[in-house]
Amino acid sequence: MFLLSMRNAEEREAIIEYLDSNGYTNTHKGLIVWISVSDIGEEGEFHWASTGERVNYQNWSETEPNDCKIDDCTGEYCAILEYWSDGGANFNYTFNDRFCGREYMFICETLPE
């Protein structure tokens, strides 16, 4: 079992369908969950931790990834999937890099063998 990966538009649509079907987006205005993306190995080189594949699906929010420094020390090396019902296209199940120590929910998946 791994953190969620979203490698293309079809997988993105399947995740949106899943969240809609279980009622989450009907009862919540927003969603922030950890996904399997990080650039811990090399800054700016994002890979799916679940498979080791380079992130080729460019689903980043506008101005992301930006490696925003927190307290001039800690950068953003992990990524979230973000949705806000009133956020428009920029927050419509898009990626955003974040400090890995933040506490967010997560969605896991199993990979086919």
C-alpha atoms as a PDB file:
ATOM      1  CA  MET A   1       0.000   0.000   0.000  1.00  0.00           C
ATOM      2  CA  PHE A   2       1.304   3.442  -0.971  1.00  0.00           C
ATOM      3  CA  LEU A   3       0.285   7.066  -0.882  1.00  0.00           C
ATOM      4  CA  LEU A   4      -1.894   8.042  -3.823  1.00  0.00           C
ATOM      5  CA  SER A   5      -0.346   8.532  -7.263  1.00  0.00           C
ATOM      6  CA  MET A   6      -2.005  10.467 -10.080  1.00  0.00           C
ATOM      7  CA  ARG A   7       0.037   9.923 -13.215  1.00  0.00           C
ATOM      8  CA  ASN A   8      -2.359  11.207 -15.871  1.00  0.00           C
ATOM      9  CA  ALA A   9      -5.698  12.919 -16.514  1.00  0.00           C
ATOM     10  CA  GLU A  10      -7.579   9.604 -16.522  1.00  0.00           C
ATOM     11  CA  GLU A  11      -6.332   8.736 -13.025  1.00  0.00           C
ATOM     12  CA  ARG A  12      -7.252  12.254 -11.876  1.00  0.00           C
ATOM     13  CA  GLU A  13     -10.814  11.789 -13.156  1.00  0.00           C
ATOM     14  CA  ALA A  14     -11.072   8.382 -11.440  1.00  0.00           C
ATOM     15  CA  ILE A  15     -10.015   9.936  -8.124  1.00  0.00           C
ATOM     16  CA  ILE A  16     -12.536  12.756  -8.512  1.00  0.00           C
ATOM     17  CA  GLU A  17     -15.263  10.186  -9.270  1.00  0.00           C
ATOM     18  CA  TYR A  18     -14.276   8.185  -6.191  1.00  0.00           C
ATOM     19  CA  LEU A  19     -14.422  11.235  -3.913  1.00  0.00           C
ATOM     20  CA  ASP A  20     -17.758  12.301  -5.402  1.00  0.00           C
ATOM     21  CA  SER A  21     -19.227   8.800  -5.099  1.00  0.00           C
ATOM     22  CA  ASN A  22     -18.426   8.448  -1.407  1.00  0.00           C
ATOM     23  CA  GLY A  23     -19.979  11.853  -0.671  1.00  0.00           C
ATOM     24  CA  TYR A  24     -16.847  13.598   0.603  1.00  0.00           C
ATOM     25  CA  THR A  25     -17.064  16.563  -1.755  1.00  0.00           C
ATOM     26  CA  ASN A  26     -20.779  16.980  -0.977  1.00  0.00           C
ATOM     27  CA  THR A  27     -20.091  17.472   2.731  1.00  0.00           C
ATOM     28  CA  HIS A  28     -16.729  19.294   2.635  1.00  0.00           C
ATOM     29  CA  LYS A  29     -15.709  22.498   0.849  1.00  0.00           C
ATOM     30  CA  GLY A  30     -12.076  21.490   0.579  1.00  0.00           C
ATOM     31  CA  LEU A  31      -9.624  18.634   0.550  1.00  0.00           C
ATOM     32  CA  ILE A  32      -5.901  18.461   1.242  1.00  0.00           C
ATOM     33  CA  VAL A  33      -4.263  15.029   1.178  1.00  0.00           C
ATOM     34  CA  TRP A  34      -0.692  13.822   0.916  1.00  0.00           C
ATOM     35  CA  ILE A  35       0.230  12.181  -2.372  1.00  0.00           C
ATOM     36  CA  SER A  36       3.241  10.084  -3.316  1.00  0.00           C
ATOM     37  CA  VAL A  37       5.235  12.949  -4.916  1.00  0.00           C
ATOM     38  CA  SER A  38       8.489  14.357  -3.553  1.00  0.00           C
ATOM     39  CA  ASP A  39      11.719  15.989  -4.641  1.00  0.00           C
ATOM     40  CA  ILE A  40      13.648  14.909  -1.560  1.00  0.00           C
ATOM     41  CA  GLY A  41      16.327  13.249  -3.723  1.00  0.00           C
ATOM     42  CA  GLU A  42      17.077  16.329  -5.841  1.00  0.00           C
ATOM     43  CA  GLU A  43      15.463  19.744  -5.625  1.00  0.00           C
ATOM     44  CA  GLY A  44      13.050  20.320  -8.498  1.00  0.00           C
ATOM     45  CA  GLU A  45      13.145  16.693  -9.676  1.00  0.00           C
ATOM     46  CA  PHE A  46       9.795  15.284  -8.578  1.00  0.00           C
ATOM     47  CA  HIS A  47       9.233  11.521  -8.486  1.00  0.00           C
ATOM     48  CA  TRP A  48       6.423   9.216  -7.416  1.00  0.00           C
ATOM     49  CA  ALA A  49       7.671   7.516  -4.249  1.00  0.00           C
ATOM     50  CA  SER A  50       5.342   4.575  -4.923  1.00  0.00           C
ATOM     51  CA  THR A  51       6.953   3.684  -8.260  1.00  0.00           C
ATOM     52  CA  GLY A  52      10.130   5.774  -8.574  1.00  0.00           C
ATOM     53  CA  GLU A  53       8.811   7.238 -11.832  1.00  0.00           C
ATOM     54  CA  ARG A  54       9.486  10.871 -12.636  1.00  0.00           C
ATOM     55  CA  VAL A  55       6.381  13.074 -12.415  1.00  0.00           C
ATOM     56  CA  ASN A  56       5.415  13.816 -16.010  1.00  0.00           C
ATOM     57  CA  TYR A  57       1.781  14.783 -15.419  1.00  0.00           C
ATOM     58  CA  GLN A  58       1.918  18.531 -14.871  1.00  0.00           C
ATOM     59  CA  ASN A  59      -1.035  19.049 -12.562  1.00  0.00           C
ATOM     60  CA  TRP A  60       0.513  21.745 -10.355  1.00  0.00           C
ATOM     61  CA  SER A  61      -1.437  24.723  -9.026  1.00  0.00           C
ATOM     62  CA  GLU A  62      -0.410  28.038 -10.534  1.00  0.00           C
ATOM     63  CA  THR A  63       3.007  29.172  -9.175  1.00  0.00           C
ATOM     64  CA  GLU A  64       3.723  25.647  -7.869  1.00  0.00           C
ATOM     65  CA  PRO A  65       5.985  23.958  -7.114  1.00  0.00           C
ATOM     66  CA  ASN A  66       7.738  26.877  -5.444  1.00  0.00           C
ATOM     67  CA  ASP A  67       9.786  25.313  -2.595  1.00  0.00           C
ATOM     68  CA  CYS A  68       8.620  28.046  -0.220  1.00  0.00           C
ATOM     69  CA  LYS A  69      11.064  28.300   2.677  1.00  0.00           C
ATOM     70  CA  ILE A  70       9.630  28.122   6.175  1.00  0.00           C
ATOM     71  CA  ASP A  71      11.604  30.130   8.758  1.00  0.00           C
ATOM     72  CA  ASP A  72      14.384  30.511   6.152  1.00  0.00           C
ATOM     73  CA  CYS A  73      15.270  26.888   6.791  1.00  0.00           C
ATOM     74  CA  THR A  74      12.879  24.140   5.820  1.00  0.00           C
ATOM     75  CA  GLY A  75      11.776  23.843   2.202  1.00  0.00           C
ATOM     76  CA  GLU A  76       8.841  22.085   0.600  1.00  0.00           C
ATOM     77  CA  TYR A  77       9.870  18.624  -0.564  1.00  0.00           C
ATOM     78  CA  CYS A  78       6.592  16.677  -0.417  1.00  0.00           C
ATOM     79  CA  ALA A  79       3.319  17.238  -2.267  1.00  0.00           C
ATOM     80  CA  ILE A  80      -0.400  17.383  -1.646  1.00  0.00           C
ATOM     81  CA  LEU A  81      -3.509  17.066  -3.759  1.00  0.00           C
ATOM     82  CA  GLU A  82      -5.657  20.124  -3.161  1.00  0.00           C
ATOM     83  CA  TYR A  83      -9.300  20.920  -3.866  1.00  0.00           C
ATOM     84  CA  TRP A  84     -11.450  23.898  -2.811  1.00  0.00           C
ATOM     85  CA  SER A  85     -15.023  24.111  -4.073  1.00  0.00           C
ATOM     86  CA  ASP A  86     -14.776  27.884  -4.491  1.00  0.00           C
ATOM     87  CA  GLY A  87     -11.108  27.946  -5.553  1.00  0.00           C
ATOM     88  CA  GLY A  88     -11.588  27.735  -9.320  1.00  0.00           C
ATOM     89  CA  ALA A  89      -9.242  25.906 -11.663  1.00  0.00           C
ATOM     90  CA  ASN A  90      -6.167  26.643  -9.545  1.00  0.00           C
ATOM     91  CA  PHE A  91      -7.442  24.450  -6.687  1.00  0.00           C
ATOM     92  CA  ASN A  92      -9.335  21.821  -8.666  1.00  0.00           C
ATOM     93  CA  TYR A  93      -7.524  18.632  -7.609  1.00  0.00           C
ATOM     94  CA  THR A  94      -4.115  20.117  -8.319  1.00  0.00           C
ATOM     95  CA  PHE A  95      -0.665  19.476  -6.806  1.00  0.00           C
ATOM     96  CA  ASN A  96       1.118  21.790  -4.392  1.00  0.00           C
ATOM     97  CA  ASP A  97       4.500  21.238  -2.758  1.00  0.00           C
ATOM     98  CA  ARG A  98       4.501  21.456   1.038  1.00  0.00           C
ATOM     99  CA  PHE A  99       6.754  21.005   4.057  1.00  0.00           C
ATOM    100  CA  CYS A 100       6.848  17.247   4.745  1.00  0.00           C
ATOM    101  CA  GLY A 101       6.229  17.689   8.482  1.00  0.00           C
ATOM    102  CA  ARG A 102       2.720  19.100   8.069  1.00  0.00           C
ATOM    103  CA  GLU A 103      -0.234  17.023   9.245  1.00  0.00           C
ATOM    104  CA  TYR A 104      -2.731  16.258   6.482  1.00  0.00           C
ATOM    105  CA  MET A 105      -5.037  13.400   5.655  1.00  0.00           C
ATOM    106  CA  PHE A 106      -3.914  10.903   3.050  1.00  0.00           C
ATOM    107  CA  ILE A 107      -5.334   8.492   0.512  1.00  0.00           C
ATOM    108  CA  CYS A 108      -3.625   5.170  -0.107  1.00  0.00           C
ATOM    109  CA  GLU A 109      -3.740   2.858  -3.078  1.00  0.00           C
ATOM    110  CA  THR A 110      -2.502  -0.592  -3.924  1.00  0.00           C
ATOM    111  CA  LEU A 111      -0.504  -1.079  -7.091  1.00  0.00           C
ATOM    112  CA  PRO A 112      -1.301  -3.906  -9.503  1.00  0.00           C
ATOM    113  CA  GLU A 113       1.171  -6.749  -9.416  1.00  0.00           C
END
